[in-house]
């Protein structure tokens, strides 16, 4: 009787394990399908940006506004538009040095934005 009980437990464990593996495989296949279905140049949000505090942004303007509003007050770098399409990196944490300026295209490439 004891041996039969152990066999039943082993059979149930194997069935659960097989179902779990199938679910995991199915989940991986869905993730892979989602990743491969993304179009190149689509408006996917840029991720893992400096001082983004875990947020994602679809446009450079959204990200720059976030930096101005949330990073600047805590002495993190942000970018101020000094003339149309030209931005200056602003920070108070390092000694004053020559102004670092970037074009809009340079910032888009630097942070991975397409628009």
C-alpha atoms as a PDB file:
ATOM      1  CA  UNK A   1       0.000   0.000   0.000  1.00  0.00           C
ATOM      2  CA  UNK A   2       2.810   2.379   0.906  1.00  0.00           C
ATOM      3  CA  UNK A   3       4.500   1.754  -2.480  1.00  0.00           C
ATOM      4  CA  UNK A   4       1.272   2.511  -4.356  1.00  0.00           C
ATOM      5  CA  UNK A   5       0.912   5.838  -2.536  1.00  0.00           C
ATOM      6  CA  UNK A   6       4.489   6.843  -3.476  1.00  0.00           C
ATOM      7  CA  UNK A   7       3.848   5.899  -7.130  1.00  0.00           C
ATOM      8  CA  UNK A   8       0.702   8.061  -7.160  1.00  0.00           C
ATOM      9  CA  UNK A   9       2.604  11.025  -5.717  1.00  0.00           C
ATOM     10  CA  UNK A  10       5.411  10.611  -8.254  1.00  0.00           C
ATOM     11  CA  UNK A  11       2.910  10.400 -11.132  1.00  0.00           C
ATOM     12  CA  UNK A  12       1.105  13.546  -9.951  1.00  0.00           C
ATOM     13  CA  UNK A  13       4.410  15.409  -9.534  1.00  0.00           C
ATOM     14  CA  UNK A  14       5.516  14.416 -13.035  1.00  0.00           C
ATOM     15  CA  UNK A  15       2.200  15.590 -14.513  1.00  0.00           C
ATOM     16  CA  UNK A  16       2.441  18.953 -12.741  1.00  0.00           C
ATOM     17  CA  UNK A  17       6.044  19.357 -13.814  1.00  0.00           C
ATOM     18  CA  UNK A  18       5.134  18.633 -17.438  1.00  0.00           C
ATOM     19  CA  UNK A  19       2.290  21.185 -17.316  1.00  0.00           C
ATOM     20  CA  UNK A  20       4.632  23.796 -15.818  1.00  0.00           C
ATOM     21  CA  UNK A  21       7.257  23.203 -18.513  1.00  0.00           C
ATOM     22  CA  UNK A  22       4.581  23.512 -21.220  1.00  0.00           C
ATOM     23  CA  UNK A  23       3.358  26.797 -19.713  1.00  0.00           C
ATOM     24  CA  UNK A  24       6.903  28.168 -19.533  1.00  0.00           C
ATOM     25  CA  UNK A  25       7.608  27.169 -23.152  1.00  0.00           C
ATOM     26  CA  UNK A  26       4.343  28.788 -24.225  1.00  0.00           C
ATOM     27  CA  UNK A  27       5.243  31.992 -22.351  1.00  0.00           C
ATOM     28  CA  UNK A  28       8.679  32.111 -23.959  1.00  0.00           C
ATOM     29  CA  UNK A  29       7.147  31.611 -27.394  1.00  0.00           C
ATOM     30  CA  UNK A  30       4.740  34.531 -26.802  1.00  0.00           C
ATOM     31  CA  UNK A  31       7.587  36.813 -25.708  1.00  0.00           C
ATOM     32  CA  UNK A  32       9.698  35.824 -28.705  1.00  0.00           C
ATOM     33  CA  UNK A  33       6.743  36.438 -31.040  1.00  0.00           C
ATOM     34  CA  UNK A  34       6.163  39.865 -29.489  1.00  0.00           C
ATOM     35  CA  UNK A  35       9.831  40.768 -29.860  1.00  0.00           C
ATOM     36  CA  UNK A  36      10.030  39.660 -33.494  1.00  0.00           C
ATOM     37  CA  UNK A  37       6.775  41.356 -34.461  1.00  0.00           C
ATOM     38  CA  UNK A  38       8.101  44.805 -33.528  1.00  0.00           C
ATOM     39  CA  UNK A  39       8.718  46.893 -36.592  1.00  0.00           C
ATOM     40  CA  UNK A  40      12.093  48.558 -37.013  1.00  0.00           C
ATOM     41  CA  UNK A  41      11.714  52.297 -36.446  1.00  0.00           C
ATOM     42  CA  UNK A  42       8.378  51.898 -34.675  1.00  0.00           C
ATOM     43  CA  UNK A  43       7.467  54.308 -31.920  1.00  0.00           C
ATOM     44  CA  UNK A  44       8.537  51.967 -29.114  1.00  0.00           C
ATOM     45  CA  UNK A  45       9.390  53.741 -25.864  1.00  0.00           C
ATOM     46  CA  UNK A  46      13.063  54.244 -25.090  1.00  0.00           C
ATOM     47  CA  UNK A  47      14.043  52.260 -22.008  1.00  0.00           C
ATOM     48  CA  UNK A  48      16.709  52.422 -19.333  1.00  0.00           C
ATOM     49  CA  UNK A  49      17.489  56.087 -19.861  1.00  0.00           C
ATOM     50  CA  UNK A  50      19.712  57.944 -17.402  1.00  0.00           C
ATOM     51  CA  UNK A  51      17.720  59.522 -14.562  1.00  0.00           C
ATOM     52  CA  UNK A  52      14.413  58.245 -15.964  1.00  0.00           C
ATOM     53  CA  UNK A  53      13.509  56.785 -12.541  1.00  0.00           C
ATOM     54  CA  UNK A  54      12.118  53.672 -14.231  1.00  0.00           C
ATOM     55  CA  UNK A  55       9.853  55.511 -16.676  1.00  0.00           C
ATOM     56  CA  UNK A  56       9.773  54.982 -20.443  1.00  0.00           C
ATOM     57  CA  UNK A  57       9.341  57.750 -23.003  1.00  0.00           C
ATOM     58  CA  UNK A  58       8.177  57.651 -26.618  1.00  0.00           C
ATOM     59  CA  UNK A  59       9.670  60.970 -27.675  1.00  0.00           C
ATOM     60  CA  UNK A  60      12.794  62.948 -26.929  1.00  0.00           C
ATOM     61  CA  UNK A  61      10.634  65.916 -25.885  1.00  0.00           C
ATOM     62  CA  UNK A  62       8.882  63.833 -23.200  1.00  0.00           C
ATOM     63  CA  UNK A  63      12.228  62.685 -21.840  1.00  0.00           C
ATOM     64  CA  UNK A  64      13.773  66.169 -21.832  1.00  0.00           C
ATOM     65  CA  UNK A  65      10.713  67.555 -20.023  1.00  0.00           C
ATOM     66  CA  UNK A  66      10.987  64.756 -17.453  1.00  0.00           C
ATOM     67  CA  UNK A  67      14.647  65.647 -16.834  1.00  0.00           C
ATOM     68  CA  UNK A  68      13.811  69.340 -16.462  1.00  0.00           C
ATOM     69  CA  UNK A  69      11.000  68.657 -13.999  1.00  0.00           C
ATOM     70  CA  UNK A  70      12.412  65.786 -11.945  1.00  0.00           C
ATOM     71  CA  UNK A  71      16.164  65.443 -12.438  1.00  0.00           C
ATOM     72  CA  UNK A  72      17.162  69.128 -12.332  1.00  0.00           C
ATOM     73  CA  UNK A  73      15.744  69.785  -8.827  1.00  0.00           C
ATOM     74  CA  UNK A  74      17.933  67.029  -7.380  1.00  0.00           C
ATOM     75  CA  UNK A  75      21.117  68.181  -9.144  1.00  0.00           C
ATOM     76  CA  UNK A  76      20.984  65.651 -11.981  1.00  0.00           C
ATOM     77  CA  UNK A  77      21.935  66.697 -15.524  1.00  0.00           C
ATOM     78  CA  UNK A  78      19.220  67.996 -17.847  1.00  0.00           C
ATOM     79  CA  UNK A  79      19.152  69.692 -21.254  1.00  0.00           C
ATOM     80  CA  UNK A  80      18.052  73.264 -21.939  1.00  0.00           C
ATOM     81  CA  UNK A  81      17.232  74.387 -25.485  1.00  0.00           C
ATOM     82  CA  UNK A  82      19.486  77.386 -26.140  1.00  0.00           C
ATOM     83  CA  UNK A  83      18.345  77.959 -29.716  1.00  0.00           C
ATOM     84  CA  UNK A  84      16.101  75.985 -32.057  1.00  0.00           C
ATOM     85  CA  UNK A  85      17.399  72.417 -32.285  1.00  0.00           C
ATOM     86  CA  UNK A  86      20.450  73.027 -30.032  1.00  0.00           C
ATOM     87  CA  UNK A  87      20.551  71.927 -26.409  1.00  0.00           C
ATOM     88  CA  UNK A  88      22.971  72.634 -23.577  1.00  0.00           C
ATOM     89  CA  UNK A  89      23.650  70.083 -20.853  1.00  0.00           C
ATOM     90  CA  UNK A  90      22.983  71.731 -17.493  1.00  0.00           C
ATOM     91  CA  UNK A  91      24.323  70.440 -14.193  1.00  0.00           C
ATOM     92  CA  UNK A  92      25.396  71.923 -10.865  1.00  0.00           C
ATOM     93  CA  UNK A  93      27.213  68.849  -9.548  1.00  0.00           C
ATOM     94  CA  UNK A  94      30.521  69.379 -11.350  1.00  0.00           C
ATOM     95  CA  UNK A  95      32.694  72.466 -11.460  1.00  0.00           C
ATOM     96  CA  UNK A  96      31.706  74.861 -14.227  1.00  0.00           C
ATOM     97  CA  UNK A  97      33.372  73.931 -17.493  1.00  0.00           C
ATOM     98  CA  UNK A  98      32.862  74.738 -21.134  1.00  0.00           C
ATOM     99  CA  UNK A  99      29.244  74.390 -22.176  1.00  0.00           C
ATOM    100  CA  UNK A 100      28.362  71.015 -23.649  1.00  0.00           C
ATOM    101  CA  UNK A 101      25.948  71.512 -26.527  1.00  0.00           C
ATOM    102  CA  UNK A 102      24.190  68.910 -28.631  1.00  0.00           C
ATOM    103  CA  UNK A 103      21.946  69.041 -31.643  1.00  0.00           C
ATOM    104  CA  UNK A 104      18.525  67.444 -31.486  1.00  0.00           C
ATOM    105  CA  UNK A 105      19.765  64.675 -33.808  1.00  0.00           C
ATOM    106  CA  UNK A 106      22.723  63.966 -31.498  1.00  0.00           C
ATOM    107  CA  UNK A 107      20.454  63.659 -28.444  1.00  0.00           C
ATOM    108  CA  UNK A 108      18.019  61.428 -30.316  1.00  0.00           C
ATOM    109  CA  UNK A 109      20.855  59.101 -31.334  1.00  0.00           C
ATOM    110  CA  UNK A 110      22.427  59.209 -27.869  1.00  0.00           C
ATOM    111  CA  UNK A 111      19.216  58.223 -26.084  1.00  0.00           C
ATOM    112  CA  UNK A 112      17.751  55.940 -28.770  1.00  0.00           C
ATOM    113  CA  UNK A 113      14.739  57.958 -29.948  1.00  0.00           C
ATOM    114  CA  UNK A 114      13.290  57.835 -33.452  1.00  0.00           C
ATOM    115  CA  UNK A 115      11.114  60.919 -33.017  1.00  0.00           C
END
